[in-house]
């Protein structure tokens, strides 16, 4: 199984490749805000595929496209975390600890 750290490093390498393409096309790499806006678009695409998985939309090859879009969204989250200097692995662990504690404390 691939470690979170190696996934994060690979996501950043892909981000650097995108930055090169963006620099060629637009004269500069995308800003953090532009990467976040791209993520919003990906979430919209994800929702269409979720609807397809639930039978609300007809999208050919929806399961494979859903897997791709989930991975694309994960890439965006990992990339944004790096751009904002957030240790996502540690933040995830803390957040899950908080959520578990809150849920376990419920009657």
Protein backbone atom coordinates (compact mmCIF):
# COMPACT_ATOMS: atom_id res chain seq x y z
CA UNK A 1 0.00 0.00 0.00
CA UNK A 2 1.19 3.49 -0.82
CA UNK A 3 1.95 5.77 2.12
CA UNK A 4 0.22 9.11 2.57
CA UNK A 5 3.59 10.84 2.36
CA UNK A 6 4.48 9.28 -0.98
CA UNK A 7 1.01 10.11 -2.35
CA UNK A 8 1.45 13.69 -1.23
CA UNK A 9 4.89 13.95 -2.85
CA UNK A 10 3.55 12.52 -6.09
CA UNK A 11 0.63 14.97 -6.02
CA UNK A 12 3.14 17.82 -5.65
CA UNK A 13 5.25 16.55 -8.58
CA UNK A 14 2.12 16.59 -10.73
CA UNK A 15 1.34 20.12 -9.47
CA UNK A 16 4.81 21.20 -10.57
CA UNK A 17 4.15 19.75 -14.04
CA UNK A 18 0.88 21.68 -14.20
CA UNK A 19 2.73 24.84 -13.14
CA UNK A 20 5.04 24.42 -16.13
CA UNK A 21 2.08 24.06 -18.51
CA UNK A 22 0.34 27.05 -16.92
CA UNK A 23 3.48 29.16 -17.26
CA UNK A 24 3.68 28.29 -20.97
CA UNK A 25 -0.01 29.06 -21.53
CA UNK A 26 -0.62 32.00 -19.19
CA UNK A 27 2.84 33.33 -18.38
CA UNK A 28 2.65 32.20 -14.75
CA UNK A 29 1.53 29.25 -12.64
CA UNK A 30 -1.92 29.28 -11.09
CA UNK A 31 -2.27 30.97 -7.71
CA UNK A 32 -3.55 29.14 -4.64
CA UNK A 33 -6.94 30.73 -5.26
CA UNK A 34 -7.02 29.47 -8.85
CA UNK A 35 -6.11 25.95 -7.73
CA UNK A 36 -8.95 26.16 -5.18
CA UNK A 37 -11.35 27.33 -7.90
CA UNK A 38 -10.30 24.35 -10.00
CA UNK A 39 -11.11 22.13 -7.03
CA UNK A 40 -14.60 23.64 -6.83
CA UNK A 41 -15.10 22.68 -10.48
CA UNK A 42 -13.91 19.16 -9.72
CA UNK A 43 -16.41 18.90 -6.85
CA UNK A 44 -19.17 19.86 -9.29
CA UNK A 45 -18.02 17.10 -11.64
CA UNK A 46 -17.91 14.71 -8.68
CA UNK A 47 -21.53 15.51 -7.82
CA UNK A 48 -22.67 14.71 -11.36
CA UNK A 49 -20.96 11.35 -11.10
CA UNK A 50 -22.48 10.69 -7.68
CA UNK A 51 -25.87 11.36 -9.25
CA UNK A 52 -25.01 8.90 -12.01
CA UNK A 53 -24.03 6.30 -9.42
CA UNK A 54 -27.43 6.85 -7.74
CA UNK A 55 -29.31 6.52 -11.03
CA UNK A 56 -30.26 10.20 -11.34
CA UNK A 57 -28.02 10.91 -14.36
CA UNK A 58 -27.01 8.77 -17.29
CA UNK A 59 -23.24 8.99 -17.69
CA UNK A 60 -21.43 6.24 -19.60
CA UNK A 61 -18.71 4.46 -17.61
CA UNK A 62 -19.76 6.32 -14.46
CA UNK A 63 -17.99 4.03 -11.91
CA UNK A 64 -14.58 4.52 -13.55
CA UNK A 65 -15.20 8.24 -13.96
CA UNK A 66 -16.28 8.49 -10.31
CA UNK A 67 -13.05 6.81 -9.19
CA UNK A 68 -11.04 9.21 -11.36
CA UNK A 69 -12.85 12.28 -10.03
CA UNK A 70 -12.46 11.20 -6.39
CA UNK A 71 -8.72 10.82 -7.01
CA UNK A 72 -8.65 14.21 -8.75
CA UNK A 73 -10.35 15.82 -5.73
CA UNK A 74 -7.86 14.15 -3.39
CA UNK A 75 -5.04 15.56 -5.54
CA UNK A 76 -6.54 19.05 -5.19
CA UNK A 77 -6.82 18.74 -1.40
CA UNK A 78 -3.25 17.46 -1.08
CA UNK A 79 -1.99 20.22 -3.37
CA UNK A 80 -3.84 22.97 -1.53
CA UNK A 81 -2.56 21.66 1.80
CA UNK A 82 1.01 21.91 0.54
CA UNK A 83 0.40 25.36 -0.96
CA UNK A 84 -0.92 26.57 2.43
CA UNK A 85 1.82 24.74 4.37
CA UNK A 86 -0.63 22.48 6.21
CA UNK A 87 0.48 19.08 7.43
CA UNK A 88 -2.60 17.32 6.08
CA UNK A 89 -1.74 13.94 7.55
CA UNK A 90 -1.49 15.44 11.06
CA UNK A 91 -4.58 17.61 10.54
CA UNK A 92 -6.53 14.55 9.39
CA UNK A 93 -5.49 12.57 12.47
CA UNK A 94 -6.42 15.44 14.81
CA UNK A 95 -9.76 15.98 13.10
CA UNK A 96 -10.65 12.27 13.24
CA UNK A 97 -9.69 12.21 16.94
CA UNK A 98 -12.00 15.17 17.58
CA UNK A 99 -14.85 13.68 15.59
CA UNK A 100 -14.51 10.27 17.25
CA UNK A 101 -14.39 11.82 20.73
CA UNK A 102 -17.48 13.89 20.02
CA UNK A 103 -19.40 10.94 18.60
CA UNK A 104 -18.34 8.58 21.37
CA UNK A 105 -19.45 11.12 24.00
CA UNK A 106 -22.99 11.22 22.57
CA UNK A 107 -25.65 9.33 24.54
